[in-house]
Amino acid sequence: MDEIDRVIDVDVEGMSCGHCVQHVTEALQNLSPVKNVAVTLKPGEASEVKVVTDTEIADEDIKAAIDEAGYDVVGIRRDF
């Protein structure tokens, strides 16, 4: 059976520059089921982070990775 890619949308506050994007991207890519991370930086408001995976990732794991990078998760939405 083929795995189906899933998208998790995460709203993250506190990101203001390219280095912020890099820190969050690297933190999420360290979670083993993550296949891709795309960030839409929105300084002064919650930035949009799309996480692509073919396996379920717990909200707590996403929040912990982003928190460790120094940013705040303010929302998580899933397409599945």
PDB file of N, CA and C in Angstrom:
ATOM      1  N   MET A   1       0.837  -1.171   0.000  1.00  0.00           N
ATOM      2  CA  MET A   1       0.000   0.000   0.000  1.00  0.00           C
ATOM      3  C   MET A   1       0.889   1.245   0.000  1.00  0.00           C
ATOM      4  N   ASP A   2       0.612   2.199  -0.878  1.00  0.00           N
ATOM      5  CA  ASP A   2       1.385   3.421  -0.964  1.00  0.00           C
ATOM      6  C   ASP A   2       0.996   4.373   0.158  1.00  0.00           C
ATOM      7  N   GLU A   3       1.998   5.052   0.692  1.00  0.00           N
ATOM      8  CA  GLU A   3       1.748   6.076   1.695  1.00  0.00           C
ATOM      9  C   GLU A   3       1.258   7.339   0.988  1.00  0.00           C
ATOM     10  N   ILE A   4       0.368   8.053   1.616  1.00  0.00           N
ATOM     11  CA  ILE A   4      -0.178   9.284   1.059  1.00  0.00           C
ATOM     12  C   ILE A   4       0.405  10.462   1.828  1.00  0.00           C
ATOM     13  N   ASP A   5       0.909  11.451   1.080  1.00  0.00           N
ATOM     14  CA  ASP A   5       1.430  12.645   1.741  1.00  0.00           C
ATOM     15  C   ASP A   5       0.306  13.391   2.441  1.00  0.00           C
ATOM     16  N   ARG A   6       0.628  13.908   3.595  1.00  0.00           N
ATOM     17  CA  ARG A   6      -0.316  14.684   4.401  1.00  0.00           C
ATOM     18  C   ARG A   6       0.321  16.042   4.650  1.00  0.00           C
ATOM     19  N   VAL A   7      -0.512  17.066   4.756  1.00  0.00           N
ATOM     20  CA  VAL A   7      -0.012  18.403   5.025  1.00  0.00           C
ATOM     21  C   VAL A   7      -0.532  18.869   6.382  1.00  0.00           C
ATOM     22  N   ILE A   8       0.387  19.350   7.202  1.00  0.00           N
ATOM     23  CA  ILE A   8       0.039  19.929   8.489  1.00  0.00           C
ATOM     24  C   ILE A   8       0.400  21.405   8.408  1.00  0.00           C
ATOM     25  N   ASP A   9      -0.590  22.280   8.607  1.00  0.00           N
ATOM     26  CA  ASP A   9      -0.361  23.725   8.599  1.00  0.00           C
ATOM     27  C   ASP A   9      -0.165  24.192  10.029  1.00  0.00           C
ATOM     28  N   VAL A  10       0.951  24.879  10.252  1.00  0.00           N
ATOM     29  CA  VAL A  10       1.289  25.342  11.594  1.00  0.00           C
ATOM     30  C   VAL A  10       1.470  26.862  11.547  1.00  0.00           C
ATOM     31  N   ASP A  11       0.784  27.563  12.444  1.00  0.00           N
ATOM     32  CA  ASP A  11       0.948  29.013  12.572  1.00  0.00           C
ATOM     33  C   ASP A  11       1.969  29.269  13.676  1.00  0.00           C
ATOM     34  N   VAL A  12       3.023  30.023  13.331  1.00  0.00           N
ATOM     35  CA  VAL A  12       4.136  30.236  14.252  1.00  0.00           C
ATOM     36  C   VAL A  12       4.380  31.731  14.429  1.00  0.00           C
ATOM     37  N   GLU A  13       4.421  32.183  15.682  1.00  0.00           N
ATOM     38  CA  GLU A  13       4.711  33.582  15.987  1.00  0.00           C
ATOM     39  C   GLU A  13       6.169  33.734  16.398  1.00  0.00           C
ATOM     40  N   GLY A  14       6.683  34.946  16.151  1.00  0.00           N
ATOM     41  CA  GLY A  14       8.040  35.262  16.580  1.00  0.00           C
ATOM     42  C   GLY A  14       9.078  35.188  15.477  1.00  0.00           C
ATOM     43  N   MET A  15       8.679  34.810  14.274  1.00  0.00           N
ATOM     44  CA  MET A  15       9.620  34.716  13.163  1.00  0.00           C
ATOM     45  C   MET A  15       9.655  36.060  12.428  1.00  0.00           C
ATOM     46  N   SER A  16      10.887  36.569  12.160  1.00  0.00           N
ATOM     47  CA  SER A  16      10.989  37.881  11.530  1.00  0.00           C
ATOM     48  C   SER A  16      11.997  37.961  10.389  1.00  0.00           C
ATOM     49  N   CYS A  17      12.753  36.877  10.146  1.00  0.00           N
ATOM     50  CA  CYS A  17      13.800  36.955   9.123  1.00  0.00           C
ATOM     51  C   CYS A  17      14.126  35.564   8.566  1.00  0.00           C
ATOM     52  N   GLY A  18      15.031  35.545   7.612  1.00  0.00           N
ATOM     53  CA  GLY A  18      15.446  34.291   6.994  1.00  0.00           C
ATOM     54  C   GLY A  18      16.090  33.321   7.968  1.00  0.00           C
ATOM     55  N   HIS A  19      16.812  33.843   8.957  1.00  0.00           N
ATOM     56  CA  HIS A  19      17.408  32.958   9.955  1.00  0.00           C
ATOM     57  C   HIS A  19      16.333  32.253  10.772  1.00  0.00           C
ATOM     58  N   CYS A  20      15.240  32.967  11.053  1.00  0.00           N
ATOM     59  CA  CYS A  20      14.115  32.361  11.775  1.00  0.00           C
ATOM     60  C   CYS A  20      13.538  31.207  10.956  1.00  0.00           C
ATOM     61  N   VAL A  21      13.359  31.457   9.669  1.00  0.00           N
ATOM     62  CA  VAL A  21      12.841  30.420   8.766  1.00  0.00           C
ATOM     63  C   VAL A  21      13.759  29.209   8.790  1.00  0.00           C
ATOM     64  N   GLN A  22      15.058  29.443   8.721  1.00  0.00           N
ATOM     65  CA  GLN A  22      16.032  28.347   8.728  1.00  0.00           C
ATOM     66  C   GLN A  22      15.963  27.554  10.034  1.00  0.00           C
ATOM     67  N   HIS A  23      15.869  28.245  11.168  1.00  0.00           N
ATOM     68  CA  HIS A  23      15.812  27.545  12.460  1.00  0.00           C
ATOM     69  C   HIS A  23      14.577  26.652  12.569  1.00  0.00           C
ATOM     70  N   VAL A  24      13.418  27.189  12.178  1.00  0.00           N
ATOM     71  CA  VAL A  24      12.175  26.412  12.265  1.00  0.00           C
ATOM     72  C   VAL A  24      12.210  25.247  11.269  1.00  0.00           C
ATOM     73  N   THR A  25      12.686  25.508  10.067  1.00  0.00           N
ATOM     74  CA  THR A  25      12.765  24.453   9.050  1.00  0.00           C
ATOM     75  C   THR A  25      13.652  23.316   9.519  1.00  0.00           C
ATOM     76  N   GLU A  26      14.826  23.639  10.021  1.00  0.00           N
ATOM     77  CA  GLU A  26      15.751  22.601  10.497  1.00  0.00           C
ATOM     78  C   GLU A  26      15.175  21.839  11.681  1.00  0.00           C
ATOM     79  N   ALA A  27      14.514  22.542  12.597  1.00  0.00           N
ATOM     80  CA  ALA A  27      13.925  21.880  13.762  1.00  0.00           C
ATOM     81  C   ALA A  27      12.875  20.859  13.336  1.00  0.00           C
ATOM     82  N   LEU A  28      12.039  21.235  12.364  1.00  0.00           N
ATOM     83  CA  LEU A  28      10.991  20.316  11.911  1.00  0.00           C
ATOM     84  C   LEU A  28      11.555  19.188  11.063  1.00  0.00           C
ATOM     85  N   GLN A  29      12.583  19.457  10.266  1.00  0.00           N
ATOM     86  CA  GLN A  29      13.174  18.404   9.446  1.00  0.00           C
ATOM     87  C   GLN A  29      13.865  17.342  10.295  1.00  0.00           C
ATOM     88  N   ASN A  30      14.190  17.682  11.534  1.00  0.00           N
ATOM     89  CA  ASN A  30      14.787  16.700  12.444  1.00  0.00           C
ATOM     90  C   ASN A  30      13.767  15.691  12.959  1.00  0.00           C
ATOM     91  N   LEU A  31      12.466  15.964  12.757  1.00  0.00           N
ATOM     92  CA  LEU A  31      11.438  14.975  13.098  1.00  0.00           C
ATOM     93  C   LEU A  31      11.424  13.950  11.973  1.00  0.00           C
ATOM     94  N   SER A  32      11.651  12.694  12.301  1.00  0.00           N
ATOM     95  CA  SER A  32      11.894  11.682  11.274  1.00  0.00           C
ATOM     96  C   SER A  32      10.811  11.531  10.206  1.00  0.00           C
ATOM     97  N   PRO A  33       9.522  11.678  10.485  1.00  0.00           N
ATOM     98  CA  PRO A  33       8.561  11.474   9.396  1.00  0.00           C
ATOM     99  C   PRO A  33       8.389  12.677   8.464  1.00  0.00           C
ATOM    100  N   VAL A  34       9.059  13.812   8.752  1.00  0.00           N
ATOM    101  CA  VAL A  34       8.879  15.012   7.934  1.00  0.00           C
ATOM    102  C   VAL A  34       9.608  14.850   6.605  1.00  0.00           C
ATOM    103  N   LYS A  35       8.873  15.078   5.516  1.00  0.00           N
ATOM    104  CA  LYS A  35       9.442  14.982   4.172  1.00  0.00           C
ATOM    105  C   LYS A  35       9.822  16.349   3.615  1.00  0.00           C
ATOM    106  N   ASN A  36       9.048  17.387   3.970  1.00  0.00           N
ATOM    107  CA  ASN A  36       9.296  18.720   3.439  1.00  0.00           C
ATOM    108  C   ASN A  36       8.704  19.764   4.381  1.00  0.00           C
ATOM    109  N   VAL A  37       9.352  20.927   4.414  1.00  0.00           N
ATOM    110  CA  VAL A  37       8.861  22.056   5.191  1.00  0.00           C
ATOM    111  C   VAL A  37       8.907  23.291   4.301  1.00  0.00           C
ATOM    112  N   ALA A  38       7.803  24.039   4.256  1.00  0.00           N
ATOM    113  CA  ALA A  38       7.757  25.295   3.507  1.00  0.00           C
ATOM    114  C   ALA A  38       7.223  26.375   4.436  1.00  0.00           C
ATOM    115  N   VAL A  39       7.925  27.527   4.461  1.00  0.00           N
ATOM    116  CA  VAL A  39       7.552  28.609   5.362  1.00  0.00           C
ATOM    117  C   VAL A  39       7.188  29.851   4.556  1.00  0.00           C
ATOM    118  N   THR A  40       6.050  30.454   4.906  1.00  0.00           N
ATOM    119  CA  THR A  40       5.682  31.767   4.400  1.00  0.00           C
ATOM    120  C   THR A  40       5.883  32.736   5.545  1.00  0.00           C
ATOM    121  N   LEU A  41       6.974  33.510   5.459  1.00  0.00           N
ATOM    122  CA  LEU A  41       7.334  34.434   6.533  1.00  0.00           C
ATOM    123  C   LEU A  41       6.413  35.647   6.519  1.00  0.00           C
ATOM    124  N   LYS A  42       5.861  35.960   7.694  1.00  0.00           N
ATOM    125  CA  LYS A  42       4.990  37.125   7.856  1.00  0.00           C
ATOM    126  C   LYS A  42       5.432  37.878   9.107  1.00  0.00           C
ATOM    127  N   PRO A  43       6.471  38.718   8.985  1.00  0.00           N
ATOM    128  CA  PRO A  43       6.948  39.462  10.156  1.00  0.00           C
ATOM    129  C   PRO A  43       5.825  40.282  10.793  1.00  0.00           C
ATOM    130  N   GLY A  44       5.751  40.242  12.118  1.00  0.00           N
ATOM    131  CA  GLY A  44       4.735  40.997  12.831  1.00  0.00           C
ATOM    132  C   GLY A  44       3.432  40.256  13.020  1.00  0.00           C
ATOM    133  N   GLU A  45       3.307  39.070  12.416  1.00  0.00           N
ATOM    134  CA  GLU A  45       2.116  38.237  12.609  1.00  0.00           C
ATOM    135  C   GLU A  45       2.541  36.773  12.538  1.00  0.00           C
ATOM    136  N   ALA A  46       1.589  35.878  12.650  1.00  0.00           N
ATOM    137  CA  ALA A  46       1.916  34.448  12.626  1.00  0.00           C
ATOM    138  C   ALA A  46       2.338  34.029  11.215  1.00  0.00           C
ATOM    139  N   SER A  47       3.522  33.450  11.101  1.00  0.00           N
ATOM    140  CA  SER A  47       4.002  32.922   9.831  1.00  0.00           C
ATOM    141  C   SER A  47       3.354  31.569   9.577  1.00  0.00           C
ATOM    142  N   GLU A  48       3.219  31.217   8.291  1.00  0.00           N
ATOM    143  CA  GLU A  48       2.585  29.955   7.912  1.00  0.00           C
ATOM    144  C   GLU A  48       3.657  28.921   7.590  1.00  0.00           C
ATOM    145  N   VAL A  49       3.590  27.791   8.275  1.00  0.00           N
ATOM    146  CA  VAL A  49       4.542  26.710   8.060  1.00  0.00           C
ATOM    147  C   VAL A  49       3.766  25.486   7.592  1.00  0.00           C
ATOM    148  N   LYS A  50       4.128  24.953   6.415  1.00  0.00           N
ATOM    149  CA  LYS A  50       3.501  23.737   5.888  1.00  0.00           C
ATOM    150  C   LYS A  50       4.485  22.589   6.074  1.00  0.00           C
ATOM    151  N   VAL A  51       4.021  21.557   6.751  1.00  0.00           N
ATOM    152  CA  VAL A  51       4.832  20.368   7.000  1.00  0.00           C
ATOM    153  C   VAL A  51       4.219  19.223   6.202  1.00  0.00           C
ATOM    154  N   VAL A  52       5.024  18.604   5.335  1.00  0.00           N
ATOM    155  CA  VAL A  52       4.557  17.474   4.540  1.00  0.00           C
ATOM    156  C   VAL A  52       5.140  16.201   5.136  1.00  0.00           C
ATOM    157  N   THR A  53       4.283  15.217   5.350  1.00  0.00           N
ATOM    158  CA  THR A  53       4.685  13.945   5.942  1.00  0.00           C
ATOM    159  C   THR A  53       3.815  12.834   5.363  1.00  0.00           C
ATOM    160  N   ASP A  54       4.278  11.616   5.462  1.00  0.00           N
ATOM    161  CA  ASP A  54       3.426  10.490   5.070  1.00  0.00           C
ATOM    162  C   ASP A  54       3.048   9.651   6.287  1.00  0.00           C
ATOM    163  N   THR A  55       3.379  10.181   7.475  1.00  0.00           N
ATOM    164  CA  THR A  55       3.077   9.516   8.739  1.00  0.00           C
ATOM    165  C   THR A  55       2.552  10.554   9.725  1.00  0.00           C
ATOM    166  N   GLU A  56       1.674  10.163  10.589  1.00  0.00           N
ATOM    167  CA  GLU A  56       1.118  11.073  11.594  1.00  0.00           C
ATOM    168  C   GLU A  56       2.233  11.593  12.503  1.00  0.00           C
ATOM    169  N   ILE A  57       2.167  12.873  12.829  1.00  0.00           N
ATOM    170  CA  ILE A  57       3.067  13.493  13.800  1.00  0.00           C
ATOM    171  C   ILE A  57       2.194  14.130  14.873  1.00  0.00           C
ATOM    172  N   ALA A  58       2.493  13.847  16.112  1.00  0.00           N
ATOM    173  CA  ALA A  58       1.706  14.402  17.221  1.00  0.00           C
ATOM    174  C   ALA A  58       1.912  15.908  17.324  1.00  0.00           C
ATOM    175  N   ASP A  59       0.835  16.619  17.660  1.00  0.00           N
ATOM    176  CA  ASP A  59       0.924  18.067  17.859  1.00  0.00           C
ATOM    177  C   ASP A  59       2.018  18.410  18.866  1.00  0.00           C
ATOM    178  N   GLU A  60       2.128  17.619  19.912  1.00  0.00           N
ATOM    179  CA  GLU A  60       3.121  17.874  20.952  1.00  0.00           C
ATOM    180  C   GLU A  60       4.539  17.835  20.390  1.00  0.00           C
ATOM    181  N   ASP A  61       4.801  16.930  19.448  1.00  0.00           N
ATOM    182  CA  ASP A  61       6.133  16.830  18.850  1.00  0.00           C
ATOM    183  C   ASP A  61       6.439  18.049  17.986  1.00  0.00           C
ATOM    184  N   ILE A  62       5.440  18.506  17.240  1.00  0.00           N
ATOM    185  CA  ILE A  62       5.611  19.707  16.408  1.00  0.00           C
ATOM    186  C   ILE A  62       5.861  20.908  17.309  1.00  0.00           C
ATOM    187  N   LYS A  63       5.032  21.064  18.332  1.00  0.00           N
ATOM    188  CA  LYS A  63       5.181  22.198  19.249  1.00  0.00           C
ATOM    189  C   LYS A  63       6.541  22.165  19.947  1.00  0.00           C
ATOM    190  N   ALA A  64       6.977  20.998  20.376  1.00  0.00           N
ATOM    191  CA  ALA A  64       8.256  20.882  21.085  1.00  0.00           C
ATOM    192  C   ALA A  64       9.421  21.270  20.182  1.00  0.00           C
ATOM    193  N   ALA A  65       9.393  20.841  18.923  1.00  0.00           N
ATOM    194  CA  ALA A  65      10.476  21.163  17.985  1.00  0.00           C
ATOM    195  C   ALA A  65      10.542  22.666  17.733  1.00  0.00           C
ATOM    196  N   ILE A  66       9.384  23.289  17.528  1.00  0.00           N
ATOM    197  CA  ILE A  66       9.354  24.726  17.249  1.00  0.00           C
ATOM    198  C   ILE A  66       9.688  25.519  18.500  1.00  0.00           C
ATOM    199  N   ASP A  67       9.218  25.066  19.655  1.00  0.00           N
ATOM    200  CA  ASP A  67       9.541  25.724  20.922  1.00  0.00           C
ATOM    201  C   ASP A  67      11.049  25.685  21.178  1.00  0.00           C
ATOM    202  N   GLU A  68      11.657  24.537  20.900  1.00  0.00           N
ATOM    203  CA  GLU A  68      13.091  24.390  21.099  1.00  0.00           C
ATOM    204  C   GLU A  68      13.875  25.339  20.184  1.00  0.00           C
ATOM    205  N   ALA A  69      13.314  25.618  19.003  1.00  0.00           N
ATOM    206  CA  ALA A  69      13.951  26.563  18.073  1.00  0.00           C
ATOM    207  C   ALA A  69      13.754  28.014  18.522  1.00  0.00           C
ATOM    208  N   GLY A  70      12.851  28.234  19.502  1.00  0.00           N
ATOM    209  CA  GLY A  70      12.673  29.558  20.073  1.00  0.00           C
ATOM    210  C   GLY A  70      11.441  30.320  19.594  1.00  0.00           C
ATOM    211  N   TYR A  71      10.456  29.599  19.061  1.00  0.00           N
ATOM    212  CA  TYR A  71       9.269  30.249  18.511  1.00  0.00           C
ATOM    213  C   TYR A  71       8.005  29.638  19.106  1.00  0.00           C
ATOM    214  N   ASP A  72       6.868  30.320  18.898  1.00  0.00           N
ATOM    215  CA  ASP A  72       5.612  29.906  19.515  1.00  0.00           C
ATOM    216  C   ASP A  72       4.611  29.420  18.488  1.00  0.00           C
ATOM    217  N   VAL A  73       4.068  28.220  18.699  1.00  0.00           N
ATOM    218  CA  VAL A  73       2.990  27.695  17.862  1.00  0.00           C
ATOM    219  C   VAL A  73       1.675  28.274  18.368  1.00  0.00           C
ATOM    220  N   VAL A  74       0.904  28.879  17.459  1.00  0.00           N
ATOM    221  CA  VAL A  74      -0.388  29.453  17.848  1.00  0.00           C
ATOM    222  C   VAL A  74      -1.556  28.732  17.179  1.00  0.00           C
ATOM    223  N   GLY A  75      -1.246  27.765  16.307  1.00  0.00           N
ATOM    224  CA  GLY A  75      -2.324  26.990  15.685  1.00  0.00           C
ATOM    225  C   GLY A  75      -1.774  25.858  14.839  1.00  0.00           C
ATOM    226  N   ILE A  76      -2.523  24.752  14.796  1.00  0.00           N
ATOM    227  CA  ILE A  76      -2.168  23.605  13.961  1.00  0.00           C
ATOM    228  C   ILE A  76      -3.433  23.119  13.279  1.00  0.00           C
ATOM    229  N   ARG A  77      -3.369  22.973  11.939  1.00  0.00           N
ATOM    230  CA  ARG A  77      -4.482  22.451  11.149  1.00  0.00           C
ATOM    231  C   ARG A  77      -3.975  21.319  10.270  1.00  0.00           C
ATOM    232  N   ARG A  78      -4.843  20.363  10.021  1.00  0.00           N
ATOM    233  CA  ARG A  78      -4.460  19.199   9.211  1.00  0.00           C
ATOM    234  C   ARG A  78      -5.420  19.019   8.056  1.00  0.00           C
ATOM    235  N   ASP A  79      -4.908  18.433   6.961  1.00  0.00           N
ATOM    236  CA  ASP A  79      -5.751  18.179   5.795  1.00  0.00           C
ATOM    237  C   ASP A  79      -6.305  16.763   5.803  1.00  0.00           C
ATOM    238  N   PHE A  80      -6.133  16.052   6.932  1.00  0.00           N
ATOM    239  CA  PHE A  80      -6.592  14.657   7.012  1.00  0.00           C
ATOM    240  C   PHE A  80      -7.300  14.411   8.307  1.00  0.00           C
TER     241      PHE A  80
END
